[in-house]
Amino acid sequence: MVSTNGSEASYEISIYSDTLTEKGLLVNINRLRAAFPKQSSAFFNLLTERVIANGFTDDRLMDAINHLIDNFQYKEMNISDIVGFDRKRKLYTYSDVCNLVTKGLASFEDFEVYRVGNDVFRVKRNE
């Protein structure tokens, strides 16, 4: 899914393209239960519902939970601590790439073509 970033004409897309499987969901929610045993079953039921509704994939859920486990510093975990997690790649228009090349900040070889439906973008190879 392409999303715009603010009011500027800047585009980004999630790096995750796999799917959410029942096994991936159960394994990762159970890991979170083990890391936060004081959370209620109702919390994990609602989290599962929101993960599905927000189109998570197995990899995104695993990365979100790993990030939370590694970085959590507060008294109470919120569903948004998981649901708000995503890693995105910037999508460049042809005009964006031309501007970067003209300014000497990149070369055309730094980018590869990336299609989203009928739209054509470029992504940096090293991002």
N, C-alpha and C. Protein backbone atom coordinates (compact mmCIF):
# COMPACT_ATOMS: atom_id res chain seq x y z
N MET A 1 0.84 -1.17 0.00
CA MET A 1 0.00 0.00 0.00
C MET A 1 0.89 1.24 0.00
N VAL A 2 0.55 2.17 -0.83
CA VAL A 2 1.28 3.42 -0.90
C VAL A 2 0.60 4.41 0.01
N SER A 3 1.36 5.08 0.83
CA SER A 3 0.80 6.13 1.67
C SER A 3 1.60 7.40 1.47
N THR A 4 0.91 8.52 1.50
CA THR A 4 1.63 9.79 1.39
C THR A 4 2.12 10.18 2.76
N ASN A 5 3.18 10.91 2.78
CA ASN A 5 3.81 11.31 4.03
C ASN A 5 3.55 12.80 4.22
N GLY A 6 2.49 13.15 4.95
CA GLY A 6 2.18 14.55 5.20
C GLY A 6 1.57 15.21 3.99
N SER A 7 1.71 16.52 3.89
CA SER A 7 1.12 17.26 2.78
C SER A 7 2.02 17.30 1.56
N GLU A 8 3.29 16.98 1.72
CA GLU A 8 4.21 16.95 0.59
C GLU A 8 3.90 15.75 -0.29
N ALA A 9 4.34 15.80 -1.53
CA ALA A 9 4.17 14.68 -2.44
C ALA A 9 5.31 13.70 -2.22
N SER A 10 5.31 13.04 -1.07
CA SER A 10 6.31 12.06 -0.71
C SER A 10 5.59 10.74 -0.48
N TYR A 11 6.13 9.67 -1.04
CA TYR A 11 5.44 8.38 -0.97
C TYR A 11 6.32 7.35 -0.29
N GLU A 12 5.67 6.41 0.39
CA GLU A 12 6.41 5.32 1.02
C GLU A 12 5.54 4.08 1.00
N ILE A 13 6.21 2.95 1.15
CA ILE A 13 5.51 1.67 1.13
C ILE A 13 6.14 0.76 2.18
N SER A 14 5.33 -0.04 2.82
CA SER A 14 5.84 -0.97 3.82
C SER A 14 6.77 -1.97 3.15
N ILE A 15 7.81 -2.37 3.88
CA ILE A 15 8.74 -3.35 3.33
C ILE A 15 8.18 -4.77 3.42
N TYR A 16 7.09 -4.95 4.16
CA TYR A 16 6.57 -6.29 4.41
C TYR A 16 5.59 -6.70 3.31
N SER A 17 5.84 -7.84 2.71
CA SER A 17 4.98 -8.31 1.64
C SER A 17 4.48 -9.73 1.85
N ASP A 18 4.83 -10.34 2.98
CA ASP A 18 4.35 -11.69 3.26
C ASP A 18 2.91 -11.61 3.77
N THR A 19 2.39 -12.68 4.31
CA THR A 19 1.02 -12.71 4.81
C THR A 19 1.02 -13.04 6.30
N LEU A 20 -0.11 -12.86 6.92
CA LEU A 20 -0.28 -13.25 8.32
C LEU A 20 -0.88 -14.65 8.34
N THR A 21 -0.17 -15.56 8.95
CA THR A 21 -0.66 -16.93 9.08
C THR A 21 -1.14 -17.17 10.50
N GLU A 22 -1.98 -18.17 10.68
CA GLU A 22 -2.45 -18.50 12.02
C GLU A 22 -1.28 -18.89 12.92
N LYS A 23 -0.34 -19.67 12.37
CA LYS A 23 0.83 -20.08 13.15
C LYS A 23 1.67 -18.87 13.56
N GLY A 24 1.94 -17.98 12.61
CA GLY A 24 2.74 -16.78 12.90
C GLY A 24 2.07 -15.92 13.96
N LEU A 25 0.76 -15.78 13.87
CA LEU A 25 0.03 -14.99 14.84
C LEU A 25 0.12 -15.62 16.23
N LEU A 26 -0.13 -16.91 16.32
CA LEU A 26 -0.09 -17.60 17.62
C LEU A 26 1.31 -17.58 18.24
N VAL A 27 2.32 -17.88 17.45
CA VAL A 27 3.69 -17.91 17.97
C VAL A 27 4.10 -16.54 18.50
N ASN A 28 3.81 -15.51 17.74
CA ASN A 28 4.25 -14.17 18.15
C ASN A 28 3.44 -13.61 19.32
N ILE A 29 2.14 -13.85 19.34
CA ILE A 29 1.34 -13.40 20.48
C ILE A 29 1.78 -14.15 21.75
N ASN A 30 2.09 -15.44 21.60
CA ASN A 30 2.58 -16.20 22.77
C ASN A 30 3.92 -15.69 23.26
N ARG A 31 4.80 -15.25 22.36
CA ARG A 31 6.08 -14.66 22.77
C ARG A 31 5.82 -13.38 23.57
N LEU A 32 4.85 -12.60 23.11
CA LEU A 32 4.52 -11.37 23.81
C LEU A 32 3.91 -11.67 25.17
N ARG A 33 3.08 -12.71 25.24
CA ARG A 33 2.51 -13.13 26.54
C ARG A 33 3.63 -13.51 27.52
N ALA A 34 4.64 -14.21 27.02
CA ALA A 34 5.75 -14.63 27.88
C ALA A 34 6.55 -13.42 28.36
N ALA A 35 6.71 -12.42 27.50
CA ALA A 35 7.48 -11.23 27.87
C ALA A 35 6.70 -10.31 28.80
N PHE A 36 5.37 -10.33 28.70
CA PHE A 36 4.51 -9.46 29.51
C PHE A 36 3.41 -10.28 30.17
N PRO A 37 3.78 -11.12 31.13
CA PRO A 37 2.82 -12.06 31.73
C PRO A 37 1.71 -11.39 32.55
N LYS A 38 1.85 -10.13 32.92
CA LYS A 38 0.82 -9.46 33.72
C LYS A 38 -0.32 -8.92 32.87
N GLN A 39 -0.16 -8.91 31.54
CA GLN A 39 -1.23 -8.43 30.66
C GLN A 39 -2.38 -9.43 30.67
N SER A 40 -3.59 -8.94 30.55
CA SER A 40 -4.78 -9.79 30.60
C SER A 40 -5.02 -10.50 29.27
N SER A 41 -5.80 -11.56 29.34
CA SER A 41 -6.20 -12.27 28.12
C SER A 41 -7.01 -11.36 27.22
N ALA A 42 -7.84 -10.50 27.82
CA ALA A 42 -8.63 -9.56 27.03
C ALA A 42 -7.73 -8.64 26.21
N PHE A 43 -6.61 -8.22 26.79
CA PHE A 43 -5.66 -7.38 26.07
C PHE A 43 -5.15 -8.11 24.83
N PHE A 44 -4.73 -9.36 24.99
CA PHE A 44 -4.18 -10.11 23.87
C PHE A 44 -5.25 -10.44 22.83
N ASN A 45 -6.48 -10.64 23.25
CA ASN A 45 -7.57 -10.86 22.30
C ASN A 45 -7.81 -9.61 21.46
N LEU A 46 -7.83 -8.45 22.10
CA LEU A 46 -8.02 -7.20 21.38
C LEU A 46 -6.82 -6.90 20.49
N LEU A 47 -5.62 -7.16 20.98
CA LEU A 47 -4.43 -6.97 20.17
C LEU A 47 -4.49 -7.84 18.91
N THR A 48 -4.88 -9.09 19.06
CA THR A 48 -4.99 -9.99 17.91
C THR A 48 -5.98 -9.44 16.90
N GLU A 49 -7.11 -8.96 17.38
CA GLU A 49 -8.12 -8.36 16.50
C GLU A 49 -7.55 -7.17 15.73
N ARG A 50 -6.81 -6.30 16.41
CA ARG A 50 -6.26 -5.10 15.79
C ARG A 50 -5.13 -5.43 14.82
N VAL A 51 -4.34 -6.44 15.15
CA VAL A 51 -3.26 -6.88 14.25
C VAL A 51 -3.85 -7.35 12.93
N ILE A 52 -4.91 -8.12 13.00
CA ILE A 52 -5.58 -8.61 11.78
C ILE A 52 -6.20 -7.45 11.02
N ALA A 53 -6.91 -6.57 11.72
CA ALA A 53 -7.58 -5.44 11.08
C ALA A 53 -6.61 -4.48 10.42
N ASN A 54 -5.39 -4.39 10.95
CA ASN A 54 -4.39 -3.47 10.39
C ASN A 54 -3.50 -4.12 9.33
N GLY A 55 -3.86 -5.32 8.90
CA GLY A 55 -3.16 -5.95 7.78
C GLY A 55 -1.74 -6.36 8.06
N PHE A 56 -1.45 -6.78 9.27
CA PHE A 56 -0.10 -7.22 9.60
C PHE A 56 0.28 -8.47 8.84
N THR A 57 1.57 -8.68 8.71
CA THR A 57 2.12 -9.91 8.15
C THR A 57 2.89 -10.60 9.27
N ASP A 58 3.27 -11.85 9.04
CA ASP A 58 4.06 -12.56 10.05
C ASP A 58 5.35 -11.81 10.38
N ASP A 59 6.05 -11.37 9.35
CA ASP A 59 7.33 -10.68 9.57
C ASP A 59 7.15 -9.34 10.29
N ARG A 60 6.12 -8.59 9.89
CA ARG A 60 5.89 -7.30 10.55
C ARG A 60 5.53 -7.51 12.01
N LEU A 61 4.70 -8.50 12.31
CA LEU A 61 4.33 -8.77 13.69
C LEU A 61 5.54 -9.20 14.51
N MET A 62 6.36 -10.07 13.93
CA MET A 62 7.56 -10.52 14.63
C MET A 62 8.50 -9.34 14.90
N ASP A 63 8.72 -8.49 13.90
CA ASP A 63 9.58 -7.33 14.09
C ASP A 63 9.00 -6.35 15.11
N ALA A 64 7.69 -6.15 15.09
CA ALA A 64 7.04 -5.24 16.04
C ALA A 64 7.20 -5.75 17.47
N ILE A 65 7.00 -7.05 17.65
CA ILE A 65 7.12 -7.62 18.99
C ILE A 65 8.58 -7.62 19.44
N ASN A 66 9.50 -7.96 18.56
CA ASN A 66 10.92 -7.91 18.90
C ASN A 66 11.32 -6.49 19.30
N HIS A 67 10.86 -5.51 18.54
CA HIS A 67 11.17 -4.11 18.84
C HIS A 67 10.62 -3.72 20.20
N LEU A 68 9.38 -4.12 20.49
CA LEU A 68 8.78 -3.79 21.77
C LEU A 68 9.52 -4.47 22.93
N ILE A 69 9.83 -5.74 22.77
CA ILE A 69 10.55 -6.46 23.83
C ILE A 69 11.91 -5.82 24.09
N ASP A 70 12.60 -5.45 23.03
CA ASP A 70 13.94 -4.87 23.16
C ASP A 70 13.95 -3.44 23.68
N ASN A 71 12.86 -2.69 23.48
CA ASN A 71 12.88 -1.26 23.76
C ASN A 71 11.85 -0.77 24.77
N PHE A 72 11.00 -1.62 25.28
CA PHE A 72 9.91 -1.18 26.15
C PHE A 72 10.46 -0.62 27.47
N GLN A 73 9.98 0.59 27.85
CA GLN A 73 10.49 1.23 29.06
C GLN A 73 9.39 1.77 29.97
N TYR A 74 8.15 1.49 29.67
CA TYR A 74 7.06 2.10 30.42
C TYR A 74 6.42 1.09 31.36
N LYS A 75 5.51 1.54 32.19
CA LYS A 75 4.85 0.67 33.14
C LYS A 75 3.84 -0.25 32.48
N GLU A 76 3.14 0.27 31.49
CA GLU A 76 2.05 -0.49 30.89
C GLU A 76 2.15 -0.47 29.36
N MET A 77 2.00 -1.64 28.77
CA MET A 77 2.04 -1.77 27.32
C MET A 77 0.68 -1.37 26.73
N ASN A 78 0.71 -0.72 25.59
CA ASN A 78 -0.50 -0.34 24.86
C ASN A 78 -0.55 -1.07 23.53
N ILE A 79 -1.74 -1.29 23.03
CA ILE A 79 -1.90 -1.94 21.74
C ILE A 79 -1.20 -1.14 20.65
N SER A 80 -1.23 0.17 20.77
CA SER A 80 -0.58 1.02 19.76
C SER A 80 0.93 0.82 19.72
N ASP A 81 1.52 0.28 20.79
CA ASP A 81 2.95 -0.03 20.78
C ASP A 81 3.28 -1.07 19.72
N ILE A 82 2.34 -1.93 19.41
CA ILE A 82 2.51 -2.96 18.38
C ILE A 82 1.96 -2.47 17.05
N VAL A 83 0.71 -2.01 17.05
CA VAL A 83 0.01 -1.67 15.82
C VAL A 83 0.69 -0.52 15.08
N GLY A 84 1.32 0.38 15.79
CA GLY A 84 1.97 1.52 15.16
C GLY A 84 3.30 1.21 14.51
N PHE A 85 3.78 -0.03 14.64
CA PHE A 85 5.09 -0.38 14.11
C PHE A 85 5.02 -0.74 12.63
N ASP A 86 5.90 -0.18 11.86
CA ASP A 86 6.06 -0.57 10.45
C ASP A 86 7.42 -0.06 9.99
N ARG A 87 7.99 -0.74 9.04
CA ARG A 87 9.21 -0.27 8.39
C ARG A 87 8.83 0.03 6.95
N LYS A 88 9.22 1.20 6.51
CA LYS A 88 8.81 1.65 5.18
C LYS A 88 10.01 2.00 4.31
N ARG A 89 9.77 1.91 3.04
CA ARG A 89 10.74 2.31 2.03
C ARG A 89 10.22 3.52 1.30
N LYS A 90 11.07 4.50 1.09
CA LYS A 90 10.66 5.70 0.36
C LYS A 90 10.54 5.38 -1.13
N LEU A 91 9.45 5.85 -1.72
CA LEU A 91 9.24 5.73 -3.15
C LEU A 91 9.54 7.08 -3.80
N TYR A 92 10.34 7.06 -4.84
CA TYR A 92 10.73 8.28 -5.54
C TYR A 92 10.03 8.32 -6.89
N THR A 93 9.54 9.50 -7.26
CA THR A 93 9.01 9.68 -8.61
C THR A 93 10.20 9.87 -9.55
N TYR A 94 9.94 9.78 -10.82
CA TYR A 94 11.00 10.01 -11.81
C TYR A 94 11.57 11.42 -11.63
N SER A 95 10.68 12.38 -11.36
CA SER A 95 11.11 13.76 -11.14
C SER A 95 12.01 13.87 -9.91
N ASP A 96 11.67 13.15 -8.84
CA ASP A 96 12.52 13.14 -7.63
C ASP A 96 13.92 12.65 -7.96
N VAL A 97 13.99 11.56 -8.72
CA VAL A 97 15.28 10.97 -9.08
C VAL A 97 16.08 11.95 -9.94
N CYS A 98 15.41 12.57 -10.91
CA CYS A 98 16.10 13.55 -11.76
C CYS A 98 16.67 14.69 -10.93
N ASN A 99 15.92 15.17 -9.95
CA ASN A 99 16.41 16.26 -9.08
C ASN A 99 17.64 15.82 -8.29
N LEU A 100 17.61 14.60 -7.75
CA LEU A 100 18.76 14.10 -6.98
C LEU A 100 19.98 13.94 -7.87
N VAL A 101 19.77 13.44 -9.08
CA VAL A 101 20.89 13.25 -10.01
C VAL A 101 21.46 14.60 -10.42
N THR A 102 20.60 15.56 -10.72
CA THR A 102 21.04 16.89 -11.12
C THR A 102 21.86 17.57 -10.02
N LYS A 103 21.47 17.34 -8.76
CA LYS A 103 22.19 17.93 -7.63
C LYS A 103 23.45 17.14 -7.26
N GLY A 104 23.70 16.04 -7.95
CA GLY A 104 24.88 15.23 -7.69
C GLY A 104 24.75 14.37 -6.44
N LEU A 105 23.54 14.16 -5.96
CA LEU A 105 23.31 13.39 -4.74
C LEU A 105 23.07 11.90 -5.01
N ALA A 106 22.87 11.56 -6.28
CA ALA A 106 22.61 10.16 -6.64
C ALA A 106 22.85 10.00 -8.13
N SER A 107 22.86 8.75 -8.56
CA SER A 107 22.90 8.47 -9.99
C SER A 107 21.70 7.58 -10.33
N PHE A 108 21.35 7.52 -11.59
CA PHE A 108 20.20 6.69 -11.99
C PHE A 108 20.42 5.22 -11.63
N GLU A 109 21.67 4.79 -11.59
CA GLU A 109 21.99 3.40 -11.25
C GLU A 109 21.69 3.07 -9.79
N ASP A 110 21.52 4.10 -8.95
CA ASP A 110 21.20 3.89 -7.54
C ASP A 110 19.76 3.43 -7.32
N PHE A 111 18.95 3.49 -8.37
CA PHE A 111 17.52 3.23 -8.23
C PHE A 111 17.08 2.06 -9.11
N GLU A 112 16.03 1.41 -8.66
CA GLU A 112 15.37 0.40 -9.48
C GLU A 112 13.90 0.77 -9.59
N VAL A 113 13.27 0.33 -10.67
CA VAL A 113 11.86 0.63 -10.91
C VAL A 113 11.00 -0.21 -9.97
N TYR A 114 9.97 0.42 -9.44
CA TYR A 114 9.03 -0.25 -8.54
C TYR A 114 7.63 0.15 -8.95
N ARG A 115 6.80 -0.81 -9.28
CA ARG A 115 5.44 -0.54 -9.73
C ARG A 115 4.44 -0.79 -8.61
N VAL A 116 3.49 0.15 -8.50
CA VAL A 116 2.38 0.00 -7.57
C VAL A 116 1.12 0.23 -8.40
N GLY A 117 0.48 -0.87 -8.77
CA GLY A 117 -0.67 -0.76 -9.67
C GLY A 117 -0.21 -0.20 -11.00
N ASN A 118 -0.82 0.90 -11.42
CA ASN A 118 -0.44 1.55 -12.68
C ASN A 118 0.62 2.63 -12.49
N ASP A 119 1.01 2.87 -11.25
CA ASP A 119 1.99 3.92 -10.96
C ASP A 119 3.40 3.35 -10.98
N VAL A 120 4.33 4.13 -11.50
CA VAL A 120 5.73 3.73 -11.55
C VAL A 120 6.54 4.65 -10.65
N PHE A 121 7.30 4.04 -9.75
CA PHE A 121 8.16 4.78 -8.84
C PHE A 121 9.56 4.21 -8.97
N ARG A 122 10.48 4.77 -8.21
CA ARG A 122 11.83 4.26 -8.09
C ARG A 122 12.10 4.06 -6.60
N VAL A 123 12.91 3.06 -6.28
CA VAL A 123 13.38 2.84 -4.91
C VAL A 123 14.90 2.77 -4.95
N LYS A 124 15.51 3.28 -3.89
CA LYS A 124 16.97 3.19 -3.80
C LYS A 124 17.37 1.76 -3.53
N ARG A 125 18.34 1.29 -4.25
CA ARG A 125 18.80 -0.10 -4.10
C ARG A 125 19.36 -0.38 -2.71
N ASN A 126 19.97 0.59 -2.09
CA ASN A 126 20.65 0.37 -0.79
C ASN A 126 19.79 0.71 0.42
N GLU A 127 18.51 1.01 0.24
CA GLU A 127 17.64 1.33 1.39
C GLU A 127 16.90 0.09 1.82
